[in-house]
Protein backbone atom coordinates (compact mmCIF):
# COMPACT_ATOMS: atom_id res chain seq x y z
CA MET A 1 -20.62 -10.55 19.17
CA LEU A 2 -16.93 -11.53 18.92
CA LYS A 3 -16.06 -14.75 20.25
CA SER A 4 -12.85 -14.98 22.05
CA GLY A 5 -9.97 -15.43 20.05
CA GLU A 6 -11.48 -14.58 16.85
CA LEU A 7 -9.13 -11.49 16.91
CA ASP A 8 -6.01 -12.99 15.61
CA THR A 9 -3.90 -10.54 13.42
CA ARG A 10 -2.27 -7.45 15.14
CA LEU A 11 -2.71 -4.41 12.98
CA MET A 12 -0.90 -0.77 13.37
CA ARG A 13 -3.49 1.81 12.73
CA PHE A 14 -2.09 5.49 11.08
CA GLY A 15 -4.15 8.32 10.43
CA ALA A 16 -4.73 10.05 6.90
CA ALA A 17 -1.71 11.87 5.24
CA SER A 18 -1.46 15.47 6.48
CA GLY A 19 1.33 17.89 5.79
CA SER A 20 4.18 18.71 3.26
CA PRO A 21 6.24 16.19 3.04
CA PRO A 22 3.28 14.02 4.11
CA VAL A 23 3.09 11.82 7.19
CA TRP A 24 0.84 9.50 8.57
CA PRO A 25 0.57 9.79 12.34
CA PRO A 26 0.82 6.17 14.22
CA LEU A 27 -2.53 6.02 16.06
CA GLY A 28 -1.63 2.78 17.90
CA LYS A 29 -2.21 -0.93 17.53
CA LEU A 30 -5.62 -3.01 17.57
CA TRP A 31 -6.25 -6.87 16.97
CA ALA A 32 -8.47 -7.45 13.85
CA LYS A 33 -10.08 -10.74 12.18
CA ILE A 34 -9.04 -10.56 8.41
CA ILE A 35 -11.27 -12.06 5.68
CA ASP A 36 -9.98 -11.50 2.14
CA PRO A 37 -12.24 -11.27 -0.73
CA LYS A 38 -13.49 -14.86 -2.05
CA ALA A 39 -12.17 -13.57 -5.40
CA ALA A 40 -8.38 -12.86 -4.28
CA GLY A 41 -5.99 -14.98 -6.06
CA ARG A 42 -8.41 -15.76 -9.01
CA GLU A 43 -8.27 -12.40 -10.87
CA ALA A 44 -4.88 -11.00 -11.89
CA GLN A 45 -4.07 -7.85 -9.62
CA ALA A 46 -3.70 -4.97 -12.03
CA SER A 47 -1.85 -2.57 -9.54
CA ILE A 48 -0.97 -2.56 -6.00
CA TYR A 49 -4.52 -2.39 -5.13
CA ALA A 50 -6.12 -5.73 -4.66
CA THR A 51 -9.20 -6.15 -6.87
CA GLY A 52 -11.61 -7.03 -4.38
CA SER A 53 -12.30 -5.41 -0.86
CA THR A 54 -11.20 -7.23 2.47
CA LEU A 55 -13.44 -7.48 5.34
CA ILE A 56 -11.92 -6.43 8.76
CA THR A 57 -13.55 -6.91 11.83
CA VAL A 58 -12.32 -5.22 15.05
CA ARG A 59 -13.96 -4.30 18.58
CA ALA A 60 -16.61 -1.82 18.61
CA ARG A 61 -14.61 1.69 18.49
CA GLY A 62 -15.49 5.37 17.08
CA ASP A 63 -12.36 6.60 16.07
CA ILE A 64 -11.73 4.46 13.13
CA LEU A 65 -12.56 6.44 9.76
CA PRO A 66 -12.13 6.08 6.04
CA GLY A 67 -8.78 7.42 4.56
CA GLN A 68 -7.02 5.94 7.29
CA LEU A 69 -4.36 2.90 6.88
CA LEU A 70 -3.85 -0.32 8.55
CA LYS A 71 -0.28 -2.30 8.30
CA GLY A 72 -0.19 -5.98 8.84
CA HIS A 73 2.86 -8.00 8.78
CA ALA A 74 3.38 -8.20 4.66
CA CYS A 75 0.65 -5.56 3.56
CA TRP A 76 -1.31 -2.32 4.35
CA TYR A 77 -5.17 -2.02 4.34
CA LEU A 78 -6.89 1.37 3.35
CA ILE A 79 -10.18 2.08 5.13
CA GLU A 80 -12.73 2.68 2.50
CA ASP A 81 -15.94 2.29 4.91
CA THR A 82 -17.15 1.19 8.25
CA ALA A 83 -20.47 -0.20 9.75
CA SER A 84 -21.38 -0.98 13.40
CA SER A 85 -22.44 -4.47 14.54
CA PRO A 86 -23.11 -5.08 18.48
CA GLY A 87 -19.71 -5.26 19.84
CA ALA A 88 -18.08 -4.99 16.71
CA LEU A 89 -16.96 -2.66 13.97
CA GLN A 90 -16.78 -3.84 10.58
CA ILE A 91 -14.14 -2.30 8.13
CA SER A 92 -14.27 -2.22 4.43
CA ALA A 93 -10.67 -1.97 3.20
CA ARG A 94 -8.72 -2.08 -0.05
CA LYS A 95 -5.72 -4.42 0.53
CA LEU A 96 -2.33 -2.49 -0.63
CA SER A 97 0.25 -5.47 -1.78
CA GLY A 98 3.20 -6.23 -3.81
CA GLU A 99 6.41 -7.69 -3.50
CA PRO A 100 9.58 -6.79 -1.26
CA ALA A 101 11.60 -4.33 -2.83
CA THR A 102 14.52 -2.27 -1.96
CA TYR A 103 14.56 1.85 -2.80
CA THR A 104 17.97 3.64 -3.29
CA PRO A 105 17.86 7.27 -3.49
CA LYS A 106 20.60 9.08 -5.31
CA GLN A 107 22.01 10.22 -2.09
CA GLY A 108 21.20 8.05 0.83
CA GLU A 109 20.83 4.63 2.23
CA PRO A 110 18.65 1.82 0.66
CA TYR A 111 15.67 0.86 2.46
CA PRO A 112 13.06 -1.72 1.94
CA VAL A 113 9.82 -0.86 0.45
CA THR A 114 6.68 -2.61 -1.70
CA ALA A 115 6.25 -2.33 -5.31
CA PHE A 116 4.10 -3.70 -8.02
CA LEU A 117 5.06 -4.22 -11.54
CA ALA A 118 2.60 -5.17 -13.89
CA ALA A 119 3.62 -6.87 -16.92
CA GLU A 120 0.97 -5.07 -19.29
CA ASN A 121 2.54 -1.66 -18.36
CA VAL A 122 5.60 -2.12 -20.70
CA MET A 123 6.18 0.67 -23.04
CA VAL A 124 8.95 1.83 -25.46
CA GLY A 125 10.84 4.61 -24.81
CA ALA A 126 12.25 7.23 -27.19
CA ARG A 127 15.51 5.25 -27.50
CA SER A 128 13.64 1.67 -28.10
CA GLU A 129 14.36 0.87 -24.55
CA PRO A 130 11.33 -0.71 -22.41
CA ARG A 131 9.91 1.39 -19.63
CA HIS A 132 7.76 0.30 -17.08
CA GLN A 133 5.46 1.66 -14.18
CA ILE A 134 5.91 0.92 -10.98
CA ASP A 135 3.59 1.22 -8.02
CA LEU A 136 4.89 2.07 -4.49
CA ILE A 137 2.92 2.91 -1.03
CA LEU A 138 3.83 6.35 -0.09
CA PRO A 139 4.02 5.87 3.75
CA GLU A 140 7.08 3.18 3.26
CA LEU A 141 8.86 6.10 1.33
CA GLU A 142 11.57 8.47 2.63
CA HIS A 143 11.31 11.99 1.65
CA PRO A 144 12.65 12.81 -0.59
CA PHE A 145 11.35 10.29 -3.23
CA ALA A 146 10.39 9.98 -6.55
CA ARG A 147 13.52 11.48 -8.39
CA GLN A 148 14.78 10.78 -11.53
CA GLY A 149 18.05 8.89 -10.87
CA ASP A 150 16.80 7.10 -7.78
CA GLN A 151 16.51 3.29 -7.91
CA ILE A 152 14.23 0.47 -7.37
CA THR A 153 15.30 -3.12 -7.08
CA LEU A 154 12.86 -5.55 -7.49
CA ARG A 155 13.21 -9.44 -8.26
CA GLY A 156 16.84 -9.00 -8.54
CA ARG A 157 16.41 -6.35 -11.24
CA GLN A 158 17.57 -2.52 -10.93
CA TYR A 159 15.20 0.13 -12.30
CA ARG A 160 15.94 3.76 -12.35
CA ILE A 161 13.29 6.30 -11.97
CA ASP A 162 13.24 8.34 -15.19
CA GLY A 163 9.63 10.43 -13.68
CA LEU A 164 6.66 10.80 -11.76
CA ILE A 165 3.50 9.22 -13.44
CA GLU A 166 0.82 10.08 -10.82
CA GLY A 167 -0.28 9.95 -7.26
CA SER A 168 -3.45 8.41 -6.20
CA ASP A 169 -6.42 10.32 -5.19
CA ASN A 170 -6.36 8.98 -1.46
CA GLY A 171 -2.62 9.98 -1.23
CA THR A 172 -1.68 6.59 -0.35
CA THR A 173 -0.11 5.24 -3.57
CA LEU A 174 2.63 6.56 -6.21
CA ARG A 175 3.24 5.25 -9.60
CA VAL A 176 6.76 5.93 -11.31
CA MET A 177 8.11 5.45 -14.78
CA VAL A 178 11.28 3.39 -14.53
CA ALA A 179 13.79 2.17 -17.18
C-alpha cells in the first residue's frame, strides 16, 4: 500500500508510436515514485539507454502498458513491464538519458533535444575525418528529421548528419552518423 506523499515525481505518459510520420499520443499526467537501479552511475553508459531498469511506482491502474513512454523533467522512460501489488502498480522501465543538445534542420528553426555521443563510437571516414554515432530520442524530433545536412549541437560543437544508422526495435530512439 502506498503511503501519503510517496509519489513525489510528476510524469507525462505517452502512448506507443503509431502512424507515419510517427506520433506518440499524450495520455495524461501521473504521480510516481522513481527508484533508479543501484548500479546507476557505476557502469559507463554505452548508449542513450541506461544500463539497468528503473523501478517506477504509481497508483493501481490498468491502462499502463509496455511500449508506452513516461517523460520526466530531464529524461524519458520506456515501459518494459508492469506488475500489480495492493493499491499500486510497479513499472519496470528503461531510462533514456543523454545531454541537452540542439537539433537544427537544413530548413527550419533549431529546437532542443536529448543526445548521447559515446566516445568509443569514433570511426574514420573516407577522407580520414572523424565520424561519430549520436543517439536521439524520437519523440523529441520534429518531422522531417535525420536528413543529410541537418546539424546537432552538443557540448558546444556542431555535428553534421551524414546518414541514418538505425532506429531502435521499439521505435523510440534513432542513431545517426555525424561528421
